[in-house]
């Protein structure tokens, strides 16, 4: 998935931000980069944490996303 929003956010960023765990899982299974940074330097993990989505955080952790 290389399509980015105007803020450099990938579909994985948007799914994580919106708490869409099943969508995020599908994106990661179809080669989305769990560690891709947007224009602000944030990864999907940052977006999921900011949204308070424990489901998305779990999906990202299972996909070996960085969480420092």
N, C-alpha and C. Protein backbone atom coordinates (compact mmCIF):
# COMPACT_ATOMS: atom_id res chain seq x y z
N UNK A 1 0.84 -1.18 0.00
CA UNK A 1 0.00 0.00 0.00
C UNK A 1 0.88 1.24 0.00
N UNK A 2 0.97 1.90 -1.10
CA UNK A 2 1.80 3.09 -1.17
C UNK A 2 0.99 4.37 -1.26
N UNK A 3 -0.32 4.29 -1.37
CA UNK A 3 -1.16 5.47 -1.47
C UNK A 3 -1.14 6.24 -0.16
N UNK A 4 -0.83 7.54 -0.25
CA UNK A 4 -0.73 8.36 0.95
C UNK A 4 -1.68 9.55 0.88
N UNK A 5 -2.15 9.98 2.04
CA UNK A 5 -2.98 11.19 2.11
C UNK A 5 -2.09 12.41 1.97
N UNK A 6 -2.68 13.57 1.98
CA UNK A 6 -1.92 14.81 1.91
C UNK A 6 -0.99 15.01 3.09
N UNK A 7 -1.23 14.32 4.17
CA UNK A 7 -0.38 14.40 5.37
C UNK A 7 0.60 13.23 5.44
N UNK A 8 0.71 12.50 4.35
CA UNK A 8 1.64 11.37 4.31
C UNK A 8 1.15 10.15 5.05
N UNK A 9 -0.15 10.08 5.30
CA UNK A 9 -0.70 8.95 6.04
C UNK A 9 -1.12 7.85 5.08
N UNK A 10 -0.71 6.64 5.41
CA UNK A 10 -1.09 5.47 4.62
C UNK A 10 -2.47 4.98 5.06
N UNK A 11 -3.08 4.07 4.31
CA UNK A 11 -4.33 3.47 4.77
C UNK A 11 -4.19 2.82 6.15
N UNK A 12 -3.01 2.28 6.47
CA UNK A 12 -2.80 1.69 7.81
C UNK A 12 -2.87 2.76 8.89
N UNK A 13 -2.33 3.95 8.62
CA UNK A 13 -2.44 5.05 9.58
C UNK A 13 -3.91 5.40 9.81
N UNK A 14 -4.65 5.50 8.73
CA UNK A 14 -6.05 5.90 8.83
C UNK A 14 -6.89 4.85 9.54
N UNK A 15 -6.63 3.57 9.26
CA UNK A 15 -7.36 2.50 9.94
C UNK A 15 -7.05 2.51 11.43
N UNK A 16 -5.78 2.68 11.78
CA UNK A 16 -5.38 2.71 13.19
C UNK A 16 -5.99 3.90 13.91
N UNK A 17 -5.98 5.04 13.26
CA UNK A 17 -6.54 6.27 13.84
C UNK A 17 -8.04 6.13 14.08
N UNK A 18 -8.70 5.41 13.18
CA UNK A 18 -10.15 5.22 13.29
C UNK A 18 -10.57 4.02 14.11
N UNK A 19 -9.59 3.30 14.66
CA UNK A 19 -9.93 2.14 15.47
C UNK A 19 -10.48 0.97 14.68
N UNK A 20 -10.13 0.90 13.41
CA UNK A 20 -10.63 -0.15 12.52
C UNK A 20 -9.68 -1.35 12.51
N UNK A 21 -9.74 -2.16 13.55
CA UNK A 21 -8.78 -3.25 13.73
C UNK A 21 -8.84 -4.29 12.61
N UNK A 22 -10.04 -4.67 12.17
CA UNK A 22 -10.13 -5.68 11.12
C UNK A 22 -9.58 -5.15 9.80
N UNK A 23 -9.85 -3.91 9.50
CA UNK A 23 -9.30 -3.28 8.30
C UNK A 23 -7.78 -3.21 8.41
N UNK A 24 -7.28 -2.81 9.55
CA UNK A 24 -5.84 -2.73 9.78
C UNK A 24 -5.20 -4.10 9.62
N UNK A 25 -5.81 -5.13 10.18
CA UNK A 25 -5.28 -6.48 10.04
C UNK A 25 -5.20 -6.88 8.57
N UNK A 26 -6.25 -6.62 7.81
CA UNK A 26 -6.24 -6.94 6.38
C UNK A 26 -5.13 -6.18 5.66
N UNK A 27 -4.98 -4.91 5.95
CA UNK A 27 -3.92 -4.12 5.31
C UNK A 27 -2.55 -4.69 5.62
N UNK A 28 -2.32 -5.07 6.85
CA UNK A 28 -1.02 -5.62 7.24
C UNK A 28 -0.79 -6.99 6.58
N UNK A 29 -1.85 -7.76 6.42
CA UNK A 29 -1.73 -9.06 5.76
C UNK A 29 -1.48 -8.93 4.26
N UNK A 30 -1.80 -7.77 3.71
CA UNK A 30 -1.59 -7.54 2.28
C UNK A 30 -0.44 -6.57 2.03
N UNK A 31 0.56 -6.63 2.91
CA UNK A 31 1.86 -5.96 2.73
C UNK A 31 1.93 -4.49 3.12
N UNK A 32 0.99 -3.99 3.90
CA UNK A 32 1.14 -2.62 4.41
C UNK A 32 2.31 -2.59 5.39
N UNK A 33 3.00 -1.47 5.46
CA UNK A 33 4.15 -1.31 6.35
C UNK A 33 3.67 -0.80 7.71
N UNK A 34 3.78 -1.64 8.72
CA UNK A 34 3.33 -1.28 10.07
C UNK A 34 4.19 -0.20 10.71
N UNK A 35 5.36 0.04 10.15
CA UNK A 35 6.30 1.01 10.74
C UNK A 35 6.49 2.26 9.89
N UNK A 36 5.67 2.42 8.87
CA UNK A 36 5.79 3.60 8.00
C UNK A 36 5.44 4.86 8.78
N UNK A 37 6.26 5.88 8.61
CA UNK A 37 6.01 7.15 9.29
C UNK A 37 5.28 8.11 8.35
N UNK A 38 4.38 8.91 8.94
CA UNK A 38 3.70 9.94 8.16
C UNK A 38 4.54 11.21 8.18
N UNK A 39 3.99 12.30 7.69
CA UNK A 39 4.72 13.57 7.61
C UNK A 39 5.12 14.10 8.99
N UNK A 40 4.42 13.67 10.03
CA UNK A 40 4.74 14.09 11.41
C UNK A 40 5.68 13.13 12.11
N UNK A 41 6.08 12.07 11.42
CA UNK A 41 6.97 11.08 12.01
C UNK A 41 6.24 10.03 12.83
N UNK A 42 4.91 9.98 12.72
CA UNK A 42 4.14 9.02 13.49
C UNK A 42 3.85 7.76 12.68
N UNK A 43 3.86 6.63 13.37
CA UNK A 43 3.53 5.34 12.76
C UNK A 43 2.07 4.99 13.07
N UNK A 44 1.55 3.93 12.45
CA UNK A 44 0.20 3.50 12.81
C UNK A 44 0.06 3.20 14.31
N UNK A 45 1.13 2.74 14.96
CA UNK A 45 1.07 2.48 16.41
C UNK A 45 0.79 3.77 17.18
N UNK A 46 1.43 4.87 16.77
CA UNK A 46 1.16 6.16 17.42
C UNK A 46 -0.31 6.54 17.25
N UNK A 47 -0.83 6.34 16.04
CA UNK A 47 -2.22 6.70 15.76
C UNK A 47 -3.18 5.86 16.60
N UNK A 48 -2.91 4.55 16.69
CA UNK A 48 -3.77 3.66 17.48
C UNK A 48 -3.74 4.04 18.95
N UNK A 49 -2.56 4.37 19.46
CA UNK A 49 -2.44 4.76 20.87
C UNK A 49 -3.18 6.06 21.13
N UNK A 50 -3.03 7.02 20.23
CA UNK A 50 -3.71 8.31 20.39
C UNK A 50 -5.23 8.12 20.37
N UNK A 51 -5.70 7.19 19.55
CA UNK A 51 -7.13 6.92 19.45
C UNK A 51 -7.63 6.05 20.61
N UNK A 52 -6.71 5.47 21.37
CA UNK A 52 -7.11 4.59 22.47
C UNK A 52 -7.66 3.26 22.00
N UNK A 53 -7.22 2.81 20.83
CA UNK A 53 -7.72 1.56 20.27
C UNK A 53 -6.84 0.39 20.66
N UNK A 54 -7.23 -0.29 21.73
CA UNK A 54 -6.47 -1.45 22.19
C UNK A 54 -6.47 -2.57 21.15
N UNK A 55 -7.56 -2.69 20.40
CA UNK A 55 -7.63 -3.71 19.36
C UNK A 55 -6.59 -3.46 18.28
N UNK A 56 -6.46 -2.21 17.84
CA UNK A 56 -5.47 -1.88 16.81
C UNK A 56 -4.05 -2.03 17.36
N UNK A 57 -3.85 -1.65 18.60
CA UNK A 57 -2.53 -1.83 19.21
C UNK A 57 -2.17 -3.31 19.24
N UNK A 58 -3.12 -4.16 19.59
CA UNK A 58 -2.87 -5.60 19.62
C UNK A 58 -2.53 -6.14 18.24
N UNK A 59 -3.26 -5.69 17.23
CA UNK A 59 -2.98 -6.12 15.85
C UNK A 59 -1.58 -5.69 15.45
N UNK A 60 -1.22 -4.47 15.76
CA UNK A 60 0.11 -3.97 15.40
C UNK A 60 1.22 -4.70 16.15
N UNK A 61 1.00 -4.98 17.42
CA UNK A 61 2.02 -5.71 18.18
C UNK A 61 2.20 -7.12 17.62
N UNK A 62 1.11 -7.75 17.22
CA UNK A 62 1.20 -9.09 16.64
C UNK A 62 1.93 -9.08 15.30
N UNK A 63 1.91 -7.94 14.63
CA UNK A 63 2.60 -7.83 13.34
C UNK A 63 4.04 -7.35 13.50
N UNK A 64 4.50 -7.30 14.74
CA UNK A 64 5.86 -6.90 15.08
C UNK A 64 6.16 -5.43 14.74
N UNK A 65 5.14 -4.59 14.88
CA UNK A 65 5.35 -3.15 14.70
C UNK A 65 6.21 -2.63 15.84
N UNK A 66 7.01 -1.64 15.55
CA UNK A 66 7.83 -1.00 16.59
C UNK A 66 6.91 -0.19 17.49
N UNK A 67 7.18 -0.20 18.76
CA UNK A 67 6.33 0.56 19.68
C UNK A 67 7.11 1.37 20.69
N UNK A 68 8.28 1.86 20.29
CA UNK A 68 9.02 2.71 21.21
C UNK A 68 8.53 4.12 21.16
